[in-house]
PDB file of N, CA and C in Angstrom:
ATOM      1  N   MET A   1      67.030 -35.578 178.449  1.00  0.00           N
ATOM      2  CA  MET A   1      67.109 -35.479 179.722  1.00  0.00           C
ATOM      3  C   MET A   1      67.173 -34.695 180.798  1.00  0.00           C
ATOM      4  N   ILE A   2      67.060 -33.595 181.325  1.00  0.00           N
ATOM      5  CA  ILE A   2      67.232 -33.305 182.490  1.00  0.00           C
ATOM      6  C   ILE A   2      67.797 -33.031 183.607  1.00  0.00           C
ATOM      7  N   THR A   3      68.447 -31.437 184.000  1.00  0.00           N
ATOM      8  CA  THR A   3      69.711 -31.793 185.052  1.00  0.00           C
ATOM      9  C   THR A   3      68.067 -30.412 185.805  1.00  0.00           C
ATOM     10  N   GLU A   4      68.013 -31.629 186.804  1.00  0.00           N
ATOM     11  CA  GLU A   4      67.815 -29.753 188.348  1.00  0.00           C
ATOM     12  C   GLU A   4      68.574 -29.502 188.902  1.00  0.00           C
ATOM     13  N   ALA A   5      68.306 -27.610 189.200  1.00  0.00           N
ATOM     14  CA  ALA A   5      69.499 -27.512 189.509  1.00  0.00           C
ATOM     15  C   ALA A   5      68.516 -26.159 190.659  1.00  0.00           C
ATOM     16  N   ALA A   6      69.331 -26.547 192.271  1.00  0.00           N
ATOM     17  CA  ALA A   6      69.015 -25.845 193.400  1.00  0.00           C
ATOM     18  C   ALA A   6      70.191 -24.588 193.795  1.00  0.00           C
ATOM     19  N   ILE A   7      70.164 -24.205 194.870  1.00  0.00           N
ATOM     20  CA  ILE A   7      71.322 -22.779 195.241  1.00  0.00           C
ATOM     21  C   ILE A   7      71.220 -23.108 196.537  1.00  0.00           C
ATOM     22  N   LEU A   8      71.324 -24.799 196.870  1.00  0.00           N
ATOM     23  CA  LEU A   8      71.660 -24.614 199.522  1.00  0.00           C
ATOM     24  C   LEU A   8      72.887 -23.482 200.334  1.00  0.00           C
ATOM     25  N   TYR A   9      71.894 -22.621 200.592  1.00  0.00           N
ATOM     26  CA  TYR A   9      72.343 -21.843 201.681  1.00  0.00           C
ATOM     27  C   TYR A   9      71.913 -22.795 203.528  1.00  0.00           C
ATOM     28  N   VAL A  10      73.291 -23.759 203.618  1.00  0.00           N
ATOM     29  CA  VAL A  10      74.129 -23.636 204.269  1.00  0.00           C
ATOM     30  C   VAL A  10      73.454 -22.992 205.782  1.00  0.00           C
ATOM     31  N   LYS A  11      73.705 -23.767 207.125  1.00  0.00           N
ATOM     32  CA  LYS A  11      73.584 -23.008 207.625  1.00  0.00           C
ATOM     33  C   LYS A  11      74.944 -22.760 208.648  1.00  0.00           C
ATOM     34  N   LYS A  12      75.562 -21.687 209.004  1.00  0.00           N
ATOM     35  CA  LYS A  12      77.556 -21.582 208.876  1.00  0.00           C
ATOM     36  C   LYS A  12      77.979 -22.737 209.251  1.00  0.00           C
ATOM     37  N   GLU A  13      77.159 -22.964 210.557  1.00  0.00           N
ATOM     38  CA  GLU A  13      77.974 -23.511 211.874  1.00  0.00           C
ATOM     39  C   GLU A  13      77.523 -25.139 211.556  1.00  0.00           C
ATOM     40  N   LEU A  14      77.175 -25.600 210.503  1.00  0.00           N
ATOM     41  CA  LEU A  14      76.479 -26.554 210.032  1.00  0.00           C
ATOM     42  C   LEU A  14      77.062 -27.463 208.988  1.00  0.00           C
ATOM     43  N   GLN A  15      78.141 -26.444 207.997  1.00  0.00           N
ATOM     44  CA  GLN A  15      77.931 -26.493 206.480  1.00  0.00           C
ATOM     45  C   GLN A  15      79.039 -28.196 206.903  1.00  0.00           C
ATOM     46  N   ALA A  16      79.828 -28.623 207.613  1.00  0.00           N
ATOM     47  CA  ALA A  16      80.855 -29.892 207.581  1.00  0.00           C
ATOM     48  C   ALA A  16      79.794 -30.829 208.340  1.00  0.00           C
ATOM     49  N   ASN A  17      79.007 -31.460 208.869  1.00  0.00           N
ATOM     50  CA  ASN A  17      78.273 -32.175 208.731  1.00  0.00           C
ATOM     51  C   ASN A  17      76.893 -32.299 207.840  1.00  0.00           C
ATOM     52  N   PHE A  18      76.890 -30.944 207.177  1.00  0.00           N
ATOM     53  CA  PHE A  18      75.824 -31.651 206.170  1.00  0.00           C
ATOM     54  C   PHE A  18      76.761 -31.647 204.819  1.00  0.00           C
ATOM     55  N   GLU A  19      77.655 -31.332 204.320  1.00  0.00           N
ATOM     56  CA  GLU A  19      78.633 -32.148 203.620  1.00  0.00           C
ATOM     57  C   GLU A  19      78.832 -33.472 203.768  1.00  0.00           C
ATOM     58  N   LYS A  20      78.947 -34.406 204.721  1.00  0.00           N
ATOM     59  CA  LYS A  20      78.662 -35.392 205.872  1.00  0.00           C
ATOM     60  C   LYS A  20      77.729 -36.598 205.419  1.00  0.00           C
ATOM     61  N   ASP A  21      77.014 -35.796 205.966  1.00  0.00           N
ATOM     62  CA  ASP A  21      75.516 -36.308 205.678  1.00  0.00           C
ATOM     63  C   ASP A  21      75.384 -35.760 204.175  1.00  0.00           C
ATOM     64  N   PHE A  22      75.349 -35.541 203.321  1.00  0.00           N
ATOM     65  CA  PHE A  22      75.241 -35.081 201.893  1.00  0.00           C
ATOM     66  C   PHE A  22      75.810 -36.861 201.443  1.00  0.00           C
ATOM     67  N   LYS A  23      76.953 -37.260 201.815  1.00  0.00           N
ATOM     68  CA  LYS A  23      76.928 -37.835 201.001  1.00  0.00           C
ATOM     69  C   LYS A  23      76.861 -39.116 201.041  1.00  0.00           C
ATOM     70  N   THR A  24      75.906 -39.141 202.609  1.00  0.00           N
ATOM     71  CA  THR A  24      75.245 -40.666 202.523  1.00  0.00           C
ATOM     72  C   THR A  24      74.147 -40.292 201.641  1.00  0.00           C
ATOM     73  N   ALA A  25      73.416 -39.933 202.424  1.00  0.00           N
ATOM     74  CA  ALA A  25      72.147 -38.956 201.154  1.00  0.00           C
ATOM     75  C   ALA A  25      71.951 -39.478 199.125  1.00  0.00           C
ATOM     76  N   GLY A  26      72.998 -39.211 199.042  1.00  0.00           N
ATOM     77  CA  GLY A  26      73.427 -40.030 197.439  1.00  0.00           C
ATOM     78  C   GLY A  26      72.948 -41.285 197.180  1.00  0.00           C
ATOM     79  N   ALA A  27      73.413 -42.071 198.621  1.00  0.00           N
ATOM     80  CA  ALA A  27      72.816 -42.793 197.950  1.00  0.00           C
ATOM     81  C   ALA A  27      71.401 -43.158 197.548  1.00  0.00           C
ATOM     82  N   TYR A  28      70.121 -42.675 198.909  1.00  0.00           N
ATOM     83  CA  TYR A  28      69.316 -42.596 198.724  1.00  0.00           C
ATOM     84  C   TYR A  28      68.391 -41.510 196.470  1.00  0.00           C
ATOM     85  N   ILE A  29      69.063 -41.248 196.405  1.00  0.00           N
ATOM     86  CA  ILE A  29      69.518 -40.563 195.070  1.00  0.00           C
ATOM     87  C   ILE A  29      69.658 -40.818 193.829  1.00  0.00           C
ATOM     88  N   SER A  30      70.136 -42.062 193.615  1.00  0.00           N
ATOM     89  CA  SER A  30      70.696 -42.561 192.992  1.00  0.00           C
ATOM     90  C   SER A  30      69.817 -44.521 193.350  1.00  0.00           C
ATOM     91  N   SER A  31      69.651 -43.659 194.362  1.00  0.00           N
ATOM     92  CA  SER A  31      69.015 -45.290 193.949  1.00  0.00           C
ATOM     93  C   SER A  31      67.122 -45.222 192.926  1.00  0.00           C
ATOM     94  N   ILE A  32      67.534 -44.707 192.299  1.00  0.00           N
ATOM     95  CA  ILE A  32      65.616 -44.218 191.762  1.00  0.00           C
ATOM     96  C   ILE A  32      65.418 -44.240 190.207  1.00  0.00           C
ATOM     97  N   ALA A  33      65.443 -44.564 189.402  1.00  0.00           N
ATOM     98  CA  ALA A  33      64.594 -44.887 188.949  1.00  0.00           C
ATOM     99  C   ALA A  33      64.653 -43.702 187.421  1.00  0.00           C
ATOM    100  N   GLY A  34      65.530 -43.248 187.018  1.00  0.00           N
ATOM    101  CA  GLY A  34      66.306 -42.630 185.974  1.00  0.00           C
ATOM    102  C   GLY A  34      66.707 -41.459 186.314  1.00  0.00           C
ATOM    103  N   TYR A  35      67.475 -41.837 187.467  1.00  0.00           N
ATOM    104  CA  TYR A  35      68.658 -41.150 187.619  1.00  0.00           C
ATOM    105  C   TYR A  35      70.033 -41.347 186.921  1.00  0.00           C
ATOM    106  N   ARG A  36      70.453 -40.107 187.038  1.00  0.00           N
ATOM    107  CA  ARG A  36      71.684 -40.472 186.263  1.00  0.00           C
ATOM    108  C   ARG A  36      73.172 -39.773 186.509  1.00  0.00           C
ATOM    109  N   LYS A  37      73.552 -38.634 186.917  1.00  0.00           N
ATOM    110  CA  LYS A  37      74.362 -37.939 188.250  1.00  0.00           C
ATOM    111  C   LYS A  37      73.289 -37.294 189.459  1.00  0.00           C
ATOM    112  N   HIS A  38      74.773 -36.825 190.419  1.00  0.00           N
ATOM    113  CA  HIS A  38      74.383 -35.414 191.088  1.00  0.00           C
ATOM    114  C   HIS A  38      75.797 -35.457 190.912  1.00  0.00           C
ATOM    115  N   SER A  39      75.737 -33.723 191.247  1.00  0.00           N
ATOM    116  CA  SER A  39      77.098 -32.920 192.198  1.00  0.00           C
ATOM    117  C   SER A  39      76.492 -32.303 192.918  1.00  0.00           C
ATOM    118  N   LEU A  40      77.456 -32.346 193.503  1.00  0.00           N
ATOM    119  CA  LEU A  40      77.177 -30.846 194.556  1.00  0.00           C
ATOM    120  C   LEU A  40      78.668 -30.089 194.294  1.00  0.00           C
ATOM    121  N   SER A  41      78.798 -27.817 194.301  1.00  0.00           N
ATOM    122  CA  SER A  41      79.898 -27.248 194.828  1.00  0.00           C
ATOM    123  C   SER A  41      79.689 -26.602 196.069  1.00  0.00           C
ATOM    124  N   LYS A  42      80.525 -26.259 196.030  1.00  0.00           N
ATOM    125  CA  LYS A  42      80.420 -24.992 197.354  1.00  0.00           C
ATOM    126  C   LYS A  42      81.076 -23.627 197.075  1.00  0.00           C
ATOM    127  N   CYS A  43      80.344 -23.072 196.929  1.00  0.00           N
ATOM    128  CA  CYS A  43      81.653 -21.343 196.434  1.00  0.00           C
ATOM    129  C   CYS A  43      82.260 -20.843 197.006  1.00  0.00           C
ATOM    130  N   ILE A  44      82.893 -21.024 196.294  1.00  0.00           N
ATOM    131  CA  ILE A  44      84.394 -20.064 196.467  1.00  0.00           C
ATOM    132  C   ILE A  44      84.191 -18.584 197.561  1.00  0.00           C
ATOM    133  N   GLU A  45      83.539 -17.283 196.935  1.00  0.00           N
ATOM    134  CA  GLU A  45      82.745 -16.131 197.837  1.00  0.00           C
ATOM    135  C   GLU A  45      81.949 -16.701 198.008  1.00  0.00           C
ATOM    136  N   GLN A  46      81.373 -17.617 198.540  1.00  0.00           N
ATOM    137  CA  GLN A  46      80.368 -17.277 199.039  1.00  0.00           C
ATOM    138  C   GLN A  46      79.788 -18.772 200.393  1.00  0.00           C
ATOM    139  N   PRO A  47      81.207 -19.291 201.296  1.00  0.00           N
ATOM    140  CA  PRO A  47      80.691 -20.270 201.543  1.00  0.00           C
ATOM    141  C   PRO A  47      79.595 -21.067 202.231  1.00  0.00           C
ATOM    142  N   ASP A  48      78.841 -20.442 202.558  1.00  0.00           N
ATOM    143  CA  ASP A  48      77.648 -20.779 203.006  1.00  0.00           C
ATOM    144  C   ASP A  48      76.143 -21.320 201.517  1.00  0.00           C
ATOM    145  N   LYS A  49      77.148 -22.018 200.994  1.00  0.00           N
ATOM    146  CA  LYS A  49      76.262 -21.647 199.590  1.00  0.00           C
ATOM    147  C   LYS A  49      77.337 -22.817 198.386  1.00  0.00           C
ATOM    148  N   TYR A  50      76.007 -23.803 198.222  1.00  0.00           N
ATOM    149  CA  TYR A  50      75.648 -23.954 197.246  1.00  0.00           C
ATOM    150  C   TYR A  50      75.820 -24.669 196.544  1.00  0.00           C
ATOM    151  N   LEU A  51      75.930 -25.473 195.299  1.00  0.00           N
ATOM    152  CA  LEU A  51      74.693 -25.364 194.281  1.00  0.00           C
ATOM    153  C   LEU A  51      74.880 -26.458 194.140  1.00  0.00           C
ATOM    154  N   LEU A  52      74.030 -27.549 193.729  1.00  0.00           N
ATOM    155  CA  LEU A  52      73.173 -29.349 193.668  1.00  0.00           C
ATOM    156  C   LEU A  52      72.982 -29.258 192.166  1.00  0.00           C
ATOM    157  N   LEU A  53      73.836 -29.736 191.257  1.00  0.00           N
ATOM    158  CA  LEU A  53      72.585 -30.634 190.447  1.00  0.00           C
ATOM    159  C   LEU A  53      72.928 -31.510 189.587  1.00  0.00           C
ATOM    160  N   VAL A  54      71.118 -31.791 189.404  1.00  0.00           N
ATOM    161  CA  VAL A  54      71.448 -33.774 189.571  1.00  0.00           C
ATOM    162  C   VAL A  54      70.667 -34.075 187.707  1.00  0.00           C
ATOM    163  N   GLU A  55      70.585 -34.369 187.490  1.00  0.00           N
ATOM    164  CA  GLU A  55      70.125 -34.788 186.110  1.00  0.00           C
ATOM    165  C   GLU A  55      69.717 -36.536 185.905  1.00  0.00           C
ATOM    166  N   TRP A  56      68.493 -35.488 185.661  1.00  0.00           N
ATOM    167  CA  TRP A  56      67.379 -37.090 186.059  1.00  0.00           C
ATOM    168  C   TRP A  56      67.107 -37.468 184.369  1.00  0.00           C
ATOM    169  N   GLU A  57      66.196 -38.602 183.472  1.00  0.00           N
ATOM    170  CA  GLU A  57      65.995 -38.561 182.144  1.00  0.00           C
ATOM    171  C   GLU A  57      64.785 -37.724 182.278  1.00  0.00           C
ATOM    172  N   THR A  58      63.840 -37.799 182.891  1.00  0.00           N
ATOM    173  CA  THR A  58      62.628 -37.440 182.629  1.00  0.00           C
ATOM    174  C   THR A  58      62.303 -35.881 184.327  1.00  0.00           C
ATOM    175  N   LEU A  59      61.553 -35.610 183.346  1.00  0.00           N
ATOM    176  CA  LEU A  59      61.377 -34.336 184.934  1.00  0.00           C
ATOM    177  C   LEU A  59      60.399 -35.726 186.214  1.00  0.00           C
ATOM    178  N   GLU A  60      59.603 -36.182 185.381  1.00  0.00           N
ATOM    179  CA  GLU A  60      58.913 -37.085 186.589  1.00  0.00           C
ATOM    180  C   GLU A  60      59.479 -37.877 187.297  1.00  0.00           C
ATOM    181  N   ASP A  61      60.635 -38.117 186.216  1.00  0.00           N
ATOM    182  CA  ASP A  61      61.774 -39.557 187.381  1.00  0.00           C
ATOM    183  C   ASP A  61      62.507 -38.477 188.740  1.00  0.00           C
ATOM    184  N   HIS A  62      62.115 -36.798 188.413  1.00  0.00           N
ATOM    185  CA  HIS A  62      61.960 -36.479 190.052  1.00  0.00           C
ATOM    186  C   HIS A  62      60.881 -36.174 190.399  1.00  0.00           C
ATOM    187  N   THR A  63      59.820 -35.374 189.863  1.00  0.00           N
ATOM    188  CA  THR A  63      59.460 -34.793 191.100  1.00  0.00           C
ATOM    189  C   THR A  63      58.012 -36.150 191.160  1.00  0.00           C
ATOM    190  N   ILE A  64      58.585 -36.982 190.749  1.00  0.00           N
ATOM    191  CA  ILE A  64      57.239 -37.382 191.202  1.00  0.00           C
ATOM    192  C   ILE A  64      57.979 -39.367 191.449  1.00  0.00           C
ATOM    193  N   GLY A  65      59.277 -39.875 191.083  1.00  0.00           N
ATOM    194  CA  GLY A  65      60.136 -41.077 190.540  1.00  0.00           C
ATOM    195  C   GLY A  65      60.378 -40.578 192.326  1.00  0.00           C
ATOM    196  N   PHE A  66      61.120 -39.555 192.647  1.00  0.00           N
ATOM    197  CA  PHE A  66      61.987 -39.875 194.154  1.00  0.00           C
ATOM    198  C   PHE A  66      61.418 -38.496 195.220  1.00  0.00           C
ATOM    199  N   ARG A  67      60.314 -37.624 194.548  1.00  0.00           N
ATOM    200  CA  ARG A  67      59.750 -36.738 195.285  1.00  0.00           C
ATOM    201  C   ARG A  67      58.735 -37.553 195.925  1.00  0.00           C
ATOM    202  N   GLU A  68      58.514 -38.813 195.731  1.00  0.00           N
ATOM    203  CA  GLU A  68      57.060 -39.465 196.362  1.00  0.00           C
ATOM    204  C   GLU A  68      57.908 -41.265 196.823  1.00  0.00           C
ATOM    205  N   SER A  69      58.857 -40.853 197.253  1.00  0.00           N
ATOM    206  CA  SER A  69      59.259 -42.227 196.830  1.00  0.00           C
ATOM    207  C   SER A  69      60.058 -42.544 198.573  1.00  0.00           C
ATOM    208  N   ALA A  70      60.249 -43.148 198.801  1.00  0.00           N
ATOM    209  CA  ALA A  70      60.495 -43.754 200.392  1.00  0.00           C
ATOM    210  C   ALA A  70      62.519 -43.768 200.387  1.00  0.00           C
ATOM    211  N   GLU A  71      62.591 -43.277 199.309  1.00  0.00           N
ATOM    212  CA  GLU A  71      64.580 -42.161 199.841  1.00  0.00           C
ATOM    213  C   GLU A  71      64.275 -41.318 199.927  1.00  0.00           C
ATOM    214  N   TYR A  72      63.012 -40.568 199.473  1.00  0.00           N
ATOM    215  CA  TYR A  72      63.335 -38.674 199.344  1.00  0.00           C
ATOM    216  C   TYR A  72      62.957 -39.063 201.523  1.00  0.00           C
ATOM    217  N   LEU A  73      61.870 -39.281 201.215  1.00  0.00           N
ATOM    218  CA  LEU A  73      61.469 -39.469 203.242  1.00  0.00           C
ATOM    219  C   LEU A  73      63.425 -39.415 203.557  1.00  0.00           C
ATOM    220  N   GLU A  74      64.327 -40.270 203.277  1.00  0.00           N
ATOM    221  CA  GLU A  74      65.267 -41.040 204.202  1.00  0.00           C
ATOM    222  C   GLU A  74      66.405 -39.616 203.630  1.00  0.00           C
ATOM    223  N   TRP A  75      66.439 -38.965 202.667  1.00  0.00           N
ATOM    224  CA  TRP A  75      66.862 -37.737 201.901  1.00  0.00           C
ATOM    225  C   TRP A  75      66.376 -36.688 202.730  1.00  0.00           C
ATOM    226  N   LYS A  76      65.522 -36.063 202.809  1.00  0.00           N
ATOM    227  CA  LYS A  76      64.428 -34.686 203.401  1.00  0.00           C
ATOM    228  C   LYS A  76      65.023 -35.052 205.601  1.00  0.00           C
ATOM    229  N   LYS A  77      64.955 -35.675 205.540  1.00  0.00           N
ATOM    230  CA  LYS A  77      65.107 -36.971 206.895  1.00  0.00           C
ATOM    231  C   LYS A  77      66.601 -35.545 207.704  1.00  0.00           C
ATOM    232  N   LEU A  78      67.479 -36.705 206.102  1.00  0.00           N
ATOM    233  CA  LEU A  78      68.611 -35.595 205.969  1.00  0.00           C
ATOM    234  C   LEU A  78      69.474 -34.551 205.977  1.00  0.00           C
ATOM    235  N   LEU A  79      68.853 -33.866 204.973  1.00  0.00           N
ATOM    236  CA  LEU A  79      69.220 -32.698 204.808  1.00  0.00           C
ATOM    237  C   LEU A  79      68.221 -31.549 204.982  1.00  0.00           C
ATOM    238  N   HIS A  80      67.089 -31.594 204.969  1.00  0.00           N
ATOM    239  CA  HIS A  80      66.556 -30.378 205.131  1.00  0.00           C
ATOM    240  C   HIS A  80      66.809 -29.697 206.490  1.00  0.00           C
ATOM    241  N   HIS A  81      66.669 -30.567 207.317  1.00  0.00           N
ATOM    242  CA  HIS A  81      67.629 -28.713 208.727  1.00  0.00           C
ATOM    243  C   HIS A  81      68.530 -28.384 208.399  1.00  0.00           C
ATOM    244  N   TYR A  82      69.724 -28.138 207.353  1.00  0.00           N
ATOM    245  CA  TYR A  82      70.710 -27.424 206.746  1.00  0.00           C
ATOM    246  C   TYR A  82      69.726 -26.531 206.156  1.00  0.00           C
ATOM    247  N   TYR A  83      69.153 -26.578 206.535  1.00  0.00           N
ATOM    248  CA  TYR A  83      68.591 -25.242 204.904  1.00  0.00           C
ATOM    249  C   TYR A  83      68.174 -23.752 205.939  1.00  0.00           C
ATOM    250  N   ASP A  84      69.240 -22.681 205.677  1.00  0.00           N
ATOM    251  CA  ASP A  84      68.250 -21.389 205.728  1.00  0.00           C
ATOM    252  C   ASP A  84      68.316 -20.426 204.909  1.00  0.00           C
ATOM    253  N   PRO A  85      67.746 -19.613 203.372  1.00  0.00           N
ATOM    254  CA  PRO A  85      66.383 -20.127 203.667  1.00  0.00           C
ATOM    255  C   PRO A  85      66.025 -21.278 202.763  1.00  0.00           C
ATOM    256  N   PHE A  86      64.875 -22.173 203.140  1.00  0.00           N
ATOM    257  CA  PHE A  86      64.984 -23.595 201.992  1.00  0.00           C
ATOM    258  C   PHE A  86      65.319 -22.944 200.522  1.00  0.00           C
ATOM    259  N   PRO A  87      66.265 -23.976 199.790  1.00  0.00           N
ATOM    260  CA  PRO A  87      65.910 -23.849 198.574  1.00  0.00           C
ATOM    261  C   PRO A  87      64.469 -24.111 197.967  1.00  0.00           C
ATOM    262  N   ILE A  88      65.317 -23.133 196.550  1.00  0.00           N
ATOM    263  CA  ILE A  88      64.602 -23.387 195.778  1.00  0.00           C
ATOM    264  C   ILE A  88      64.748 -24.027 194.268  1.00  0.00           C
ATOM    265  N   VAL A  89      63.329 -24.863 194.621  1.00  0.00           N
ATOM    266  CA  VAL A  89      64.318 -26.704 193.259  1.00  0.00           C
ATOM    267  C   VAL A  89      63.947 -26.204 191.480  1.00  0.00           C
ATOM    268  N   GLU A  90      64.778 -25.879 190.639  1.00  0.00           N
ATOM    269  CA  GLU A  90      63.856 -25.201 189.374  1.00  0.00           C
ATOM    270  C   GLU A  90      64.884 -26.659 188.256  1.00  0.00           C
ATOM    271  N   HIS A  91      63.795 -26.838 186.947  1.00  0.00           N
ATOM    272  CA  HIS A  91      64.861 -27.515 186.607  1.00  0.00           C
ATOM    273  C   HIS A  91      64.504 -26.717 184.860  1.00  0.00           C
ATOM    274  N   PHE A  92      65.851 -27.574 184.157  1.00  0.00           N
ATOM    275  CA  PHE A  92      66.095 -27.149 182.529  1.00  0.00           C
ATOM    276  C   PHE A  92      66.309 -28.066 181.967  1.00  0.00           C
ATOM    277  N   GLU A  93      66.301 -27.560 180.161  1.00  0.00           N
ATOM    278  CA  GLU A  93      66.562 -29.178 179.572  1.00  0.00           C
ATOM    279  C   GLU A  93      67.291 -28.516 178.821  1.00  0.00           C
ATOM    280  N   GLY A  94      67.926 -28.606 178.089  1.00  0.00           N
ATOM    281  CA  GLY A  94      69.258 -29.362 177.622  1.00  0.00           C
ATOM    282  C   GLY A  94      69.037 -28.195 175.974  1.00  0.00           C
ATOM    283  N   VAL A  95      69.711 -26.974 175.458  1.00  0.00           N
ATOM    284  CA  VAL A  95      68.829 -26.220 175.063  1.00  0.00           C
ATOM    285  C   VAL A  95      70.475 -26.507 173.507  1.00  0.00           C
ATOM    286  N   ILE A  96      71.400 -26.231 173.228  1.00  0.00           N
ATOM    287  CA  ILE A  96      72.787 -26.494 172.790  1.00  0.00           C
ATOM    288  C   ILE A  96      73.441 -28.221 173.243  1.00  0.00           C
ATOM    289  N   ASP A  97      74.219 -29.053 173.430  1.00  0.00           N
ATOM    290  CA  ASP A  97      75.290 -29.845 174.120  1.00  0.00           C
ATOM    291  C   ASP A  97      76.617 -29.056 173.588  1.00  0.00           C
TER     292      ASP A  97
END
């Protein structure tokens, strides 16, 4: 299993819309083969900062299966205009459970 992690900085005036659109976007990512689950958390100390975690079966399920799909284009249309700066996405694999 691979965990995708991204810190998302959302423009302050758009946070409520972002959260609404993120719920819609969840249908796109969850339809991809190899998707396991995702979560979005909002930072208490810095309310424009969110943590996105997505679990995938393999790295390629995210980097190829999702990123090269029509669903990703919809995800991108819904969400990418909210970020400032654009997030860095990293992948992690478990060491100790």
